[in-house]
Amino acid sequence: MLDLYKNIKERRLALKMSQDTLAELTGYKDRSSIAKIEKGDVDISESKIRDFAKALKTTPQELMGWDEPEKPTTIAAHFDGDEYTPEELDEIKAFAEFVKSKRK
């Protein structure tokens, strides 16, 4: 079974969403269509993958299993003369996380 079908089911379950709800959100008549998709019995088109991603609050890439884990990033900076307190460094780190969170 492709990662796509497994990921659809895992994401649906993580969101505590029923097959009926997912069917409704993606334009299918009933849960039997979703069950067939989750088993890998039915292929879905690219446009349907996008519909599933939207309904499951994720990206098509994540559903397909194409997203690679993030690699740790090191940012080096030089500040002339100014020393930062541990609290200020925490605030700088929090801001960096905020900027990163806006990517998706």
N, C-alpha and C. Protein backbone atom coordinates (compact mmCIF):
# COMPACT_ATOMS: atom_id res chain seq x y z
N MET A 1 0.84 -1.18 0.00
CA MET A 1 0.00 0.00 0.00
C MET A 1 0.89 1.25 0.00
N LEU A 2 0.53 2.21 -0.81
CA LEU A 2 1.29 3.46 -0.86
C LEU A 2 1.16 4.21 0.45
N ASP A 3 2.19 4.99 0.76
CA ASP A 3 2.16 5.82 1.97
C ASP A 3 0.94 6.74 1.97
N LEU A 4 0.54 7.19 0.78
CA LEU A 4 -0.59 8.11 0.67
C LEU A 4 -1.82 7.56 1.39
N TYR A 5 -2.19 6.34 1.11
CA TYR A 5 -3.42 5.78 1.68
C TYR A 5 -3.29 5.57 3.18
N LYS A 6 -2.12 5.12 3.59
CA LYS A 6 -1.85 4.94 5.03
C LYS A 6 -1.87 6.29 5.73
N ASN A 7 -1.28 7.30 5.10
CA ASN A 7 -1.21 8.63 5.70
C ASN A 7 -2.59 9.28 5.79
N ILE A 8 -3.44 9.05 4.81
CA ILE A 8 -4.80 9.57 4.86
C ILE A 8 -5.51 9.01 6.09
N LYS A 9 -5.42 7.70 6.26
CA LYS A 9 -6.10 7.07 7.39
C LYS A 9 -5.52 7.54 8.72
N GLU A 10 -4.18 7.58 8.82
CA GLU A 10 -3.55 8.01 10.07
C GLU A 10 -3.92 9.44 10.42
N ARG A 11 -3.92 10.31 9.41
CA ARG A 11 -4.25 11.71 9.66
C ARG A 11 -5.72 11.85 10.07
N ARG A 12 -6.61 11.11 9.40
CA ARG A 12 -8.03 11.15 9.75
C ARG A 12 -8.24 10.72 11.19
N LEU A 13 -7.58 9.63 11.57
CA LEU A 13 -7.71 9.13 12.94
C LEU A 13 -7.12 10.11 13.95
N ALA A 14 -6.00 10.73 13.59
CA ALA A 14 -5.37 11.71 14.50
C ALA A 14 -6.30 12.89 14.75
N LEU A 15 -7.09 13.24 13.74
CA LEU A 15 -8.04 14.35 13.88
C LEU A 15 -9.37 13.90 14.47
N LYS A 16 -9.47 12.59 14.77
CA LYS A 16 -10.71 12.01 15.31
C LYS A 16 -11.88 12.29 14.37
N MET A 17 -11.61 12.13 13.07
CA MET A 17 -12.60 12.39 12.04
C MET A 17 -13.17 11.06 11.55
N SER A 18 -14.45 11.01 11.33
CA SER A 18 -15.07 9.79 10.81
C SER A 18 -14.87 9.70 9.30
N GLN A 19 -15.03 8.49 8.78
CA GLN A 19 -14.97 8.32 7.33
C GLN A 19 -16.12 9.07 6.66
N ASP A 20 -17.27 9.12 7.32
CA ASP A 20 -18.41 9.87 6.77
C ASP A 20 -18.08 11.35 6.61
N THR A 21 -17.46 11.92 7.62
CA THR A 21 -17.09 13.34 7.57
C THR A 21 -16.08 13.59 6.47
N LEU A 22 -15.07 12.72 6.39
CA LEU A 22 -14.05 12.89 5.35
C LEU A 22 -14.67 12.75 3.96
N ALA A 23 -15.59 11.83 3.81
CA ALA A 23 -16.28 11.67 2.52
C ALA A 23 -17.00 12.96 2.15
N GLU A 24 -17.71 13.53 3.10
CA GLU A 24 -18.44 14.76 2.85
C GLU A 24 -17.51 15.91 2.47
N LEU A 25 -16.39 16.02 3.18
CA LEU A 25 -15.44 17.11 2.92
C LEU A 25 -14.70 16.97 1.60
N THR A 26 -14.62 15.75 1.09
CA THR A 26 -13.85 15.53 -0.15
C THR A 26 -14.74 15.23 -1.36
N GLY A 27 -16.05 15.30 -1.17
CA GLY A 27 -16.96 15.16 -2.31
C GLY A 27 -17.36 13.73 -2.65
N TYR A 28 -17.16 12.80 -1.73
CA TYR A 28 -17.60 11.42 -1.96
C TYR A 28 -18.97 11.23 -1.34
N LYS A 29 -19.71 10.23 -1.86
CA LYS A 29 -21.09 10.02 -1.40
C LYS A 29 -21.17 9.42 -0.01
N ASP A 30 -20.25 8.52 0.32
CA ASP A 30 -20.34 7.87 1.62
C ASP A 30 -18.99 7.32 2.06
N ARG A 31 -18.97 6.76 3.26
CA ARG A 31 -17.73 6.28 3.86
C ARG A 31 -17.13 5.08 3.16
N SER A 32 -17.92 4.33 2.39
CA SER A 32 -17.37 3.15 1.71
C SER A 32 -16.27 3.56 0.71
N SER A 33 -16.44 4.72 0.10
CA SER A 33 -15.40 5.21 -0.82
C SER A 33 -14.11 5.51 -0.06
N ILE A 34 -14.25 6.10 1.11
CA ILE A 34 -13.08 6.42 1.93
C ILE A 34 -12.41 5.13 2.40
N ALA A 35 -13.19 4.16 2.80
CA ALA A 35 -12.64 2.87 3.25
C ALA A 35 -11.82 2.22 2.13
N LYS A 36 -12.33 2.26 0.91
CA LYS A 36 -11.61 1.68 -0.24
C LYS A 36 -10.30 2.43 -0.50
N ILE A 37 -10.35 3.74 -0.37
CA ILE A 37 -9.15 4.56 -0.58
C ILE A 37 -8.12 4.24 0.50
N GLU A 38 -8.55 4.18 1.75
CA GLU A 38 -7.62 3.91 2.84
C GLU A 38 -7.01 2.51 2.75
N LYS A 39 -7.71 1.58 2.14
CA LYS A 39 -7.17 0.23 1.94
C LYS A 39 -6.22 0.18 0.74
N GLY A 40 -6.26 1.21 -0.10
CA GLY A 40 -5.43 1.21 -1.29
C GLY A 40 -6.08 0.52 -2.47
N ASP A 41 -7.39 0.28 -2.36
CA ASP A 41 -8.12 -0.40 -3.44
C ASP A 41 -8.46 0.53 -4.59
N VAL A 42 -8.44 1.84 -4.33
CA VAL A 42 -8.83 2.83 -5.33
C VAL A 42 -7.76 3.90 -5.41
N ASP A 43 -7.34 4.24 -6.62
CA ASP A 43 -6.41 5.34 -6.81
C ASP A 43 -7.18 6.66 -6.81
N ILE A 44 -6.50 7.71 -6.40
CA ILE A 44 -7.13 9.03 -6.44
C ILE A 44 -6.28 9.98 -7.26
N SER A 45 -6.96 10.94 -7.86
CA SER A 45 -6.29 11.90 -8.74
C SER A 45 -5.55 12.96 -7.92
N GLU A 46 -4.72 13.72 -8.61
CA GLU A 46 -3.98 14.79 -7.95
C GLU A 46 -4.92 15.81 -7.32
N SER A 47 -6.00 16.13 -8.03
CA SER A 47 -6.95 17.11 -7.47
C SER A 47 -7.62 16.56 -6.21
N LYS A 48 -7.88 15.26 -6.17
CA LYS A 48 -8.46 14.65 -4.97
C LYS A 48 -7.45 14.62 -3.83
N ILE A 49 -6.18 14.42 -4.14
CA ILE A 49 -5.15 14.47 -3.10
C ILE A 49 -5.16 15.86 -2.45
N ARG A 50 -5.32 16.89 -3.26
CA ARG A 50 -5.40 18.25 -2.73
C ARG A 50 -6.65 18.41 -1.84
N ASP A 51 -7.77 17.83 -2.27
CA ASP A 51 -8.99 17.89 -1.47
C ASP A 51 -8.80 17.19 -0.12
N PHE A 52 -8.15 16.02 -0.16
CA PHE A 52 -7.88 15.29 1.08
C PHE A 52 -6.96 16.10 1.99
N ALA A 53 -5.92 16.70 1.42
CA ALA A 53 -4.99 17.49 2.22
C ALA A 53 -5.71 18.64 2.90
N LYS A 54 -6.56 19.33 2.16
CA LYS A 54 -7.31 20.45 2.74
C LYS A 54 -8.23 19.95 3.86
N ALA A 55 -8.96 18.88 3.60
CA ALA A 55 -9.89 18.34 4.60
C ALA A 55 -9.16 17.86 5.85
N LEU A 56 -7.95 17.34 5.65
CA LEU A 56 -7.17 16.78 6.76
C LEU A 56 -6.19 17.78 7.36
N LYS A 57 -6.29 19.03 6.92
CA LYS A 57 -5.47 20.13 7.46
C LYS A 57 -3.97 19.81 7.39
N THR A 58 -3.55 19.44 6.21
CA THR A 58 -2.13 19.14 5.98
C THR A 58 -1.80 19.54 4.54
N THR A 59 -0.67 19.10 4.05
CA THR A 59 -0.27 19.41 2.67
C THR A 59 -0.30 18.14 1.83
N PRO A 60 -0.47 18.29 0.52
CA PRO A 60 -0.39 17.12 -0.35
C PRO A 60 0.96 16.40 -0.22
N GLN A 61 2.02 17.17 -0.04
CA GLN A 61 3.35 16.58 0.10
C GLN A 61 3.43 15.68 1.33
N GLU A 62 2.86 16.13 2.43
CA GLU A 62 2.88 15.31 3.64
C GLU A 62 2.05 14.05 3.46
N LEU A 63 0.89 14.17 2.81
CA LEU A 63 0.08 12.98 2.56
C LEU A 63 0.81 11.98 1.68
N MET A 64 1.55 12.48 0.71
CA MET A 64 2.29 11.60 -0.19
C MET A 64 3.54 11.02 0.47
N GLY A 65 3.92 11.58 1.61
CA GLY A 65 5.13 11.11 2.28
C GLY A 65 6.39 11.72 1.69
N TRP A 66 6.24 12.86 1.04
CA TRP A 66 7.38 13.49 0.38
C TRP A 66 8.13 14.46 1.27
N ASP A 67 7.54 14.90 2.35
CA ASP A 67 8.23 15.84 3.23
C ASP A 67 9.34 15.12 3.97
N GLU A 68 10.52 15.69 3.90
CA GLU A 68 11.65 15.12 4.63
C GLU A 68 11.70 15.77 6.00
N PRO A 69 12.18 15.04 7.00
CA PRO A 69 12.31 15.65 8.33
C PRO A 69 13.22 16.86 8.26
N GLU A 70 12.89 17.85 9.06
CA GLU A 70 13.71 19.05 9.07
C GLU A 70 15.08 18.76 9.65
N LYS A 71 16.08 19.33 9.00
CA LYS A 71 17.44 19.21 9.50
C LYS A 71 17.70 20.34 10.47
N PRO A 72 18.45 20.07 11.52
CA PRO A 72 18.74 21.15 12.47
C PRO A 72 19.46 22.29 11.78
N THR A 73 19.10 23.50 12.16
CA THR A 73 19.71 24.69 11.57
C THR A 73 20.49 25.43 12.64
N THR A 74 21.67 25.85 12.27
CA THR A 74 22.47 26.65 13.18
C THR A 74 22.59 28.05 12.59
N ILE A 75 22.28 29.03 13.40
CA ILE A 75 22.42 30.41 12.96
C ILE A 75 23.50 31.04 13.83
N ALA A 76 24.48 31.59 13.18
CA ALA A 76 25.56 32.25 13.91
C ALA A 76 25.44 33.75 13.70
N ALA A 77 25.65 34.49 14.74
CA ALA A 77 25.60 35.95 14.64
C ALA A 77 26.67 36.54 15.53
N HIS A 78 27.15 37.66 15.13
CA HIS A 78 28.16 38.37 15.91
C HIS A 78 27.58 39.72 16.31
N PHE A 79 27.63 40.01 17.57
CA PHE A 79 27.12 41.27 18.07
C PHE A 79 28.27 42.02 18.74
N ASP A 80 28.61 43.19 18.22
CA ASP A 80 29.70 43.98 18.80
C ASP A 80 29.27 44.64 20.10
N GLY A 81 29.93 44.23 21.18
CA GLY A 81 29.77 44.91 22.44
C GLY A 81 28.54 44.57 23.25
N ASP A 82 27.45 44.15 22.63
CA ASP A 82 26.23 43.89 23.39
C ASP A 82 26.20 42.44 23.86
N GLU A 83 25.96 42.27 25.12
CA GLU A 83 25.76 40.93 25.68
C GLU A 83 24.28 40.76 25.93
N TYR A 84 23.79 39.57 25.72
CA TYR A 84 22.37 39.29 25.94
C TYR A 84 22.19 38.45 27.18
N THR A 85 21.13 38.74 27.91
CA THR A 85 20.80 37.94 29.08
C THR A 85 20.18 36.62 28.60
N PRO A 86 20.14 35.61 29.46
CA PRO A 86 19.48 34.36 29.08
C PRO A 86 18.02 34.57 28.66
N GLU A 87 17.34 35.50 29.32
CA GLU A 87 15.95 35.79 28.97
C GLU A 87 15.86 36.39 27.56
N GLU A 88 16.79 37.27 27.24
CA GLU A 88 16.79 37.88 25.91
C GLU A 88 17.11 36.84 24.85
N LEU A 89 18.03 35.94 25.14
CA LEU A 89 18.35 34.87 24.18
C LEU A 89 17.14 33.96 23.97
N ASP A 90 16.38 33.68 25.03
CA ASP A 90 15.16 32.89 24.90
C ASP A 90 14.15 33.61 24.00
N GLU A 91 14.07 34.92 24.16
CA GLU A 91 13.15 35.71 23.34
C GLU A 91 13.58 35.68 21.87
N ILE A 92 14.88 35.76 21.62
CA ILE A 92 15.40 35.69 20.25
C ILE A 92 15.07 34.32 19.64
N LYS A 93 15.26 33.26 20.41
CA LYS A 93 14.93 31.91 19.93
C LYS A 93 13.44 31.77 19.64
N ALA A 94 12.61 32.33 20.51
CA ALA A 94 11.16 32.28 20.32
C ALA A 94 10.76 33.01 19.04
N PHE A 95 11.40 34.15 18.79
CA PHE A 95 11.10 34.89 17.56
C PHE A 95 11.51 34.09 16.33
N ALA A 96 12.66 33.43 16.40
CA ALA A 96 13.10 32.60 15.27
C ALA A 96 12.10 31.48 15.01
N GLU A 97 11.56 30.86 16.05
CA GLU A 97 10.55 29.81 15.89
C GLU A 97 9.27 30.38 15.28
N PHE A 98 8.89 31.60 15.69
CA PHE A 98 7.72 32.26 15.13
C PHE A 98 7.90 32.48 13.62
N VAL A 99 9.03 32.98 13.22
CA VAL A 99 9.31 33.23 11.81
C VAL A 99 9.22 31.90 11.05
N LYS A 100 9.80 30.85 11.59
CA LYS A 100 9.79 29.54 10.96
C LYS A 100 8.36 28.99 10.85
N SER A 101 7.53 29.23 11.84
CA SER A 101 6.16 28.70 11.83
C SER A 101 5.30 29.31 10.74
N LYS A 102 5.66 30.47 10.24
CA LYS A 102 4.88 31.13 9.20
C LYS A 102 5.09 30.50 7.83
N ARG A 103 6.00 29.56 7.69
CA ARG A 103 6.29 28.93 6.39
C ARG A 103 5.12 28.11 5.87
N LYS A 104 4.38 27.45 6.75
CA LYS A 104 3.35 26.52 6.28
C LYS A 104 2.00 27.16 6.24
